[in-house]
Structures are given as structure tokens and as C-alpha cells.
Amino acid sequence: MKGLHSAAVCGWIGGGLSILILLKLAGSSSWADEAFTIKRLIEVLDDYLITPSAGITTVTGLLLGAAKPWGLKRRWITEKCAVTTILLVFGTLWLAPGLQNMHVDSRWDSGPFLLSATLRWGAAAATLQTAALLLLVALSILKPEK
């Protein structure tokens, strides 16, 4: 169970970092076909890596917490559950739809700045999400109340 949880966490964080790289590439893209391909890659990463990884991370995390002798009573475990829930809601209701609704059209060929506001928003949101996930990993490693 712990191995599955660790692999899912890696998938969630790795997917987030990959999206950050793709957003950087999209910002420097100079033609519509390239921008569309990058947008499609972001959708695929979200649909097939991040979404399942987030779900598996959450379920296995709850099961691992419940299996411990102290259950989910430790403060740092409760905080991890709360932050994970916030990240799931943020990712599901705001981040993923925003990234998947990035608009690419033929006017992209006139310059890479048509999506600059969307790209900045996406990069900021994805950075926040990934940083929060890394904080959760740090909590897991440090186990503050141990």
C-alpha cells in the first residue's frame, strides 16, 4: 500500500512539473500547430496521469492513515488530509478546466502573446499546486509529531 501511495504521489508531482515545463514551452511557441500540440499534451497529462494519481494518492493516504495505531488523530496527518482535499477541489474545479480550456486558434501565428495572460495564470496555479504537494511530501518525511 505504501509503495502504491509513493508511486501515485510521484505521478501527481511529476505531472504537475511536466505541465509547468509545457506551459513554458507554450509561452515561447511561435505557431498555432505547436501551441495546439502542447495544449493537447497538457490535457493528456491531466487526464491520464494527474487525475488518477491524485485519486490513488488520496485513497491510499486515507487507508494508510487509518491503518496506523494512532489512526487519523495526529495533527500533521489531519493537516495533510485537509490540504489534499483543498488541492483536489482546486485542481478539479479550477486548475484543470482552466488549463484544458486554453484557446489556440489561427491567430496564434501572429505572435506568441495572445495567450500570455492564460499562460501566466496557468503557470502560477500549477506552481502553487506543485509547491503544496511538495510541502505534503515534506510533512510525510519529517512527521512533525513523531
C-alpha atoms as a PDB file:
ATOM      1  CA  MET A   1       0.000   0.000   0.000  1.00  0.00           C
ATOM      2  CA  LYS A   2       2.817   2.374   0.893  1.00  0.00           C
ATOM      3  CA  GLY A   3       4.574   1.676  -2.423  1.00  0.00           C
ATOM      4  CA  LEU A   4       1.400   2.406  -4.393  1.00  0.00           C
ATOM      5  CA  HIS A   5       0.915   5.603  -2.410  1.00  0.00           C
ATOM      6  CA  SER A   6       4.507   6.715  -3.085  1.00  0.00           C
ATOM      7  CA  ALA A   7       4.216   5.933  -6.807  1.00  0.00           C
ATOM      8  CA  ALA A   8       0.942   7.880  -7.044  1.00  0.00           C
ATOM      9  CA  VAL A   9       2.486  10.868  -5.257  1.00  0.00           C
ATOM     10  CA  CYS A  10       5.362  10.796  -7.747  1.00  0.00           C
ATOM     11  CA  GLY A  11       2.867  10.713 -10.619  1.00  0.00           C
ATOM     12  CA  TRP A  12       0.917  13.667  -9.239  1.00  0.00           C
ATOM     13  CA  ILE A  13       4.011  15.803  -8.619  1.00  0.00           C
ATOM     14  CA  GLY A  14       5.742  14.694 -11.827  1.00  0.00           C
ATOM     15  CA  GLY A  15       2.630  15.518 -13.842  1.00  0.00           C
ATOM     16  CA  GLY A  16       2.474  18.966 -12.269  1.00  0.00           C
ATOM     17  CA  LEU A  17       6.129  19.652 -13.039  1.00  0.00           C
ATOM     18  CA  SER A  18       5.619  18.414 -16.604  1.00  0.00           C
ATOM     19  CA  ILE A  19       2.728  20.822 -17.086  1.00  0.00           C
ATOM     20  CA  LEU A  20       4.907  23.684 -15.850  1.00  0.00           C
ATOM     21  CA  ILE A  21       7.514  22.793 -18.471  1.00  0.00           C
ATOM     22  CA  LEU A  22       4.868  22.559 -21.186  1.00  0.00           C
ATOM     23  CA  LEU A  23       3.419  25.944 -20.196  1.00  0.00           C
ATOM     24  CA  LYS A  24       6.891  27.436 -20.527  1.00  0.00           C
ATOM     25  CA  LEU A  25       7.198  25.903 -23.997  1.00  0.00           C
ATOM     26  CA  ALA A  26       3.738  27.157 -24.973  1.00  0.00           C
ATOM     27  CA  GLY A  27       4.774  30.673 -23.980  1.00  0.00           C
ATOM     28  CA  SER A  28       7.649  30.569 -26.433  1.00  0.00           C
ATOM     29  CA  SER A  29       5.720  28.831 -29.204  1.00  0.00           C
ATOM     30  CA  SER A  30       5.518  30.826 -32.398  1.00  0.00           C
ATOM     31  CA  TRP A  31       2.916  28.914 -34.434  1.00  0.00           C
ATOM     32  CA  ALA A  32      -0.541  27.503 -33.827  1.00  0.00           C
ATOM     33  CA  ASP A  33       0.205  23.823 -34.529  1.00  0.00           C
ATOM     34  CA  GLU A  34       2.936  23.739 -31.908  1.00  0.00           C
ATOM     35  CA  ALA A  35       0.740  25.537 -29.360  1.00  0.00           C
ATOM     36  CA  PHE A  36      -2.150  23.142 -30.070  1.00  0.00           C
ATOM     37  CA  THR A  37       0.145  20.119 -29.584  1.00  0.00           C
ATOM     38  CA  ILE A  38       1.377  21.499 -26.270  1.00  0.00           C
ATOM     39  CA  LYS A  39      -2.209  22.152 -25.170  1.00  0.00           C
ATOM     40  CA  ARG A  40      -3.131  18.567 -26.081  1.00  0.00           C
ATOM     41  CA  LEU A  41      -0.142  17.219 -24.114  1.00  0.00           C
ATOM     42  CA  ILE A  42      -1.321  19.182 -21.064  1.00  0.00           C
ATOM     43  CA  GLU A  43      -4.789  17.636 -21.423  1.00  0.00           C
ATOM     44  CA  VAL A  44      -3.345  14.119 -21.732  1.00  0.00           C
ATOM     45  CA  LEU A  45      -1.101  14.559 -18.684  1.00  0.00           C
ATOM     46  CA  ASP A  46      -4.030  15.834 -16.664  1.00  0.00           C
ATOM     47  CA  ASP A  47      -6.455  13.126 -17.790  1.00  0.00           C
ATOM     48  CA  TYR A  48      -4.166  10.085 -17.690  1.00  0.00           C
ATOM     49  CA  LEU A  49      -1.511  10.886 -15.091  1.00  0.00           C
ATOM     50  CA  ILE A  50      -2.517  13.629 -12.666  1.00  0.00           C
ATOM     51  CA  THR A  51      -6.194  12.755 -12.157  1.00  0.00           C
ATOM     52  CA  PRO A  52      -5.645   9.035 -11.449  1.00  0.00           C
ATOM     53  CA  SER A  53      -2.541   9.764  -9.361  1.00  0.00           C
ATOM     54  CA  ALA A  54      -4.423  12.309  -7.241  1.00  0.00           C
ATOM     55  CA  GLY A  55      -7.248   9.851  -6.635  1.00  0.00           C
ATOM     56  CA  ILE A  56      -4.945   6.971  -5.777  1.00  0.00           C
ATOM     57  CA  THR A  57      -2.848   9.221  -3.521  1.00  0.00           C
ATOM     58  CA  THR A  58      -5.929  10.324  -1.607  1.00  0.00           C
ATOM     59  CA  VAL A  59      -7.440   6.858  -1.156  1.00  0.00           C
ATOM     60  CA  THR A  60      -4.172   5.130  -0.224  1.00  0.00           C
ATOM     61  CA  GLY A  61      -3.239   8.015   2.093  1.00  0.00           C
ATOM     62  CA  LEU A  62      -6.515   7.679   3.974  1.00  0.00           C
ATOM     63  CA  LEU A  63      -6.128   3.900   4.177  1.00  0.00           C
ATOM     64  CA  LEU A  64      -2.544   4.186   5.418  1.00  0.00           C
ATOM     65  CA  GLY A  65      -3.548   6.782   7.996  1.00  0.00           C
ATOM     66  CA  ALA A  66      -6.445   4.660   9.219  1.00  0.00           C
ATOM     67  CA  ALA A  67      -4.210   1.578   9.458  1.00  0.00           C
ATOM     68  CA  LYS A  68      -1.800   3.235  11.890  1.00  0.00           C
ATOM     69  CA  PRO A  69      -2.312   2.588  15.613  1.00  0.00           C
ATOM     70  CA  TRP A  70      -2.993   6.277  16.237  1.00  0.00           C
ATOM     71  CA  GLY A  71      -5.343   6.466  13.247  1.00  0.00           C
ATOM     72  CA  LEU A  72      -6.016   9.864  11.764  1.00  0.00           C
ATOM     73  CA  LYS A  73      -5.664  11.580  15.149  1.00  0.00           C
ATOM     74  CA  ARG A  74      -2.213  13.080  14.627  1.00  0.00           C
ATOM     75  CA  ARG A  75      -2.338  16.766  13.778  1.00  0.00           C
ATOM     76  CA  TRP A  76       0.066  16.543  10.836  1.00  0.00           C
ATOM     77  CA  ILE A  77      -1.977  13.719   9.284  1.00  0.00           C
ATOM     78  CA  THR A  78      -5.186  15.718   9.677  1.00  0.00           C
ATOM     79  CA  GLU A  79      -3.448  18.722   8.086  1.00  0.00           C
ATOM     80  CA  LYS A  80      -2.275  16.558   5.186  1.00  0.00           C
ATOM     81  CA  CYS A  81      -5.838  15.327   4.653  1.00  0.00           C
ATOM     82  CA  ALA A  82      -7.179  18.882   4.704  1.00  0.00           C
ATOM     83  CA  VAL A  83      -4.537  20.204   2.291  1.00  0.00           C
ATOM     84  CA  THR A  84      -5.004  17.211  -0.021  1.00  0.00           C
ATOM     85  CA  THR A  85      -8.747  17.842  -0.096  1.00  0.00           C
ATOM     86  CA  ILE A  86      -8.170  21.508  -0.913  1.00  0.00           C
ATOM     87  CA  LEU A  87      -5.739  20.540  -3.699  1.00  0.00           C
ATOM     88  CA  LEU A  88      -8.219  18.049  -5.148  1.00  0.00           C
ATOM     89  CA  VAL A  89     -11.016  20.615  -5.190  1.00  0.00           C
ATOM     90  CA  PHE A  90      -8.713  23.338  -6.560  1.00  0.00           C
ATOM     91  CA  GLY A  91      -7.371  21.038  -9.247  1.00  0.00           C
ATOM     92  CA  THR A  92     -10.737  19.581 -10.219  1.00  0.00           C
ATOM     93  CA  LEU A  93     -12.855  22.714 -10.231  1.00  0.00           C
ATOM     94  CA  TRP A  94     -10.386  25.423 -11.221  1.00  0.00           C
ATOM     95  CA  LEU A  95      -6.923  24.388 -12.399  1.00  0.00           C
ATOM     96  CA  ALA A  96      -7.733  21.502 -14.766  1.00  0.00           C
ATOM     97  CA  PRO A  97     -10.672  23.224 -16.503  1.00  0.00           C
ATOM     98  CA  GLY A  98      -8.634  26.395 -16.920  1.00  0.00           C
ATOM     99  CA  LEU A  99      -5.699  24.581 -18.493  1.00  0.00           C
ATOM    100  CA  GLN A 100      -7.915  22.441 -20.698  1.00  0.00           C
ATOM    101  CA  ASN A 101      -9.856  25.473 -21.907  1.00  0.00           C
ATOM    102  CA  MET A 102      -6.788  27.311 -23.147  1.00  0.00           C
ATOM    103  CA  HIS A 103      -7.732  28.616 -26.548  1.00  0.00           C
ATOM    104  CA  VAL A 104      -5.468  28.076 -29.553  1.00  0.00           C
ATOM    105  CA  ASP A 105      -6.529  29.403 -32.936  1.00  0.00           C
ATOM    106  CA  SER A 106      -5.012  30.521 -36.216  1.00  0.00           C
ATOM    107  CA  ARG A 107      -4.297  33.990 -34.822  1.00  0.00           C
ATOM    108  CA  TRP A 108      -1.573  32.399 -32.703  1.00  0.00           C
ATOM    109  CA  ASP A 109       0.664  32.664 -35.786  1.00  0.00           C
ATOM    110  CA  SER A 110       0.598  36.448 -35.430  1.00  0.00           C
ATOM    111  CA  GLY A 111       2.602  36.194 -32.215  1.00  0.00           C
ATOM    112  CA  PRO A 112       3.055  34.138 -29.058  1.00  0.00           C
ATOM    113  CA  PHE A 113       1.466  36.744 -26.788  1.00  0.00           C
ATOM    114  CA  LEU A 114      -2.228  36.025 -27.447  1.00  0.00           C
ATOM    115  CA  LEU A 115      -2.337  33.544 -24.580  1.00  0.00           C
ATOM    116  CA  SER A 116       0.142  35.296 -22.310  1.00  0.00           C
ATOM    117  CA  ALA A 117      -2.441  36.023 -19.573  1.00  0.00           C
ATOM    118  CA  THR A 118      -3.769  32.445 -19.703  1.00  0.00           C
ATOM    119  CA  LEU A 119      -0.238  31.047 -19.641  1.00  0.00           C
ATOM    120  CA  ARG A 120       0.771  33.221 -16.689  1.00  0.00           C
ATOM    121  CA  TRP A 121      -2.385  32.184 -14.814  1.00  0.00           C
ATOM    122  CA  GLY A 122      -1.784  28.511 -15.607  1.00  0.00           C
ATOM    123  CA  ALA A 123       1.855  28.678 -14.584  1.00  0.00           C
ATOM    124  CA  ALA A 124       1.023  30.421 -11.301  1.00  0.00           C
ATOM    125  CA  ALA A 125      -1.751  27.968 -10.440  1.00  0.00           C
ATOM    126  CA  ALA A 126       0.307  24.897 -11.393  1.00  0.00           C
ATOM    127  CA  THR A 127       3.274  26.235  -9.400  1.00  0.00           C
ATOM    128  CA  LEU A 128       1.055  26.723  -6.345  1.00  0.00           C
ATOM    129  CA  GLN A 129      -0.377  23.208  -6.693  1.00  0.00           C
ATOM    130  CA  THR A 130       3.050  21.581  -7.105  1.00  0.00           C
ATOM    131  CA  ALA A 131       4.576  23.558  -4.217  1.00  0.00           C
ATOM    132  CA  ALA A 132       1.732  22.470  -1.927  1.00  0.00           C
ATOM    133  CA  LEU A 133       2.273  18.834  -2.952  1.00  0.00           C
ATOM    134  CA  LEU A 134       5.977  19.133  -2.149  1.00  0.00           C
ATOM    135  CA  LEU A 135       5.030  20.565   1.265  1.00  0.00           C
ATOM    136  CA  LEU A 136       2.875  17.487   1.882  1.00  0.00           C
ATOM    137  CA  VAL A 137       5.816  15.250   0.989  1.00  0.00           C
ATOM    138  CA  ALA A 138       7.981  17.198   3.457  1.00  0.00           C
ATOM    139  CA  LEU A 139       5.345  16.666   6.178  1.00  0.00           C
ATOM    140  CA  SER A 140       5.357  12.944   5.429  1.00  0.00           C
ATOM    141  CA  ILE A 141       9.122  12.732   5.699  1.00  0.00           C
ATOM    142  CA  LEU A 142       9.527  14.939   8.793  1.00  0.00           C
ATOM    143  CA  LYS A 143       6.477  13.604  10.679  1.00  0.00           C
ATOM    144  CA  PRO A 144       6.449  16.660  12.984  1.00  0.00           C
ATOM    145  CA  GLU A 145       4.698  14.986  15.938  1.00  0.00           C
ATOM    146  CA  LYS A 146       6.714  11.778  15.929  1.00  0.00           C
END
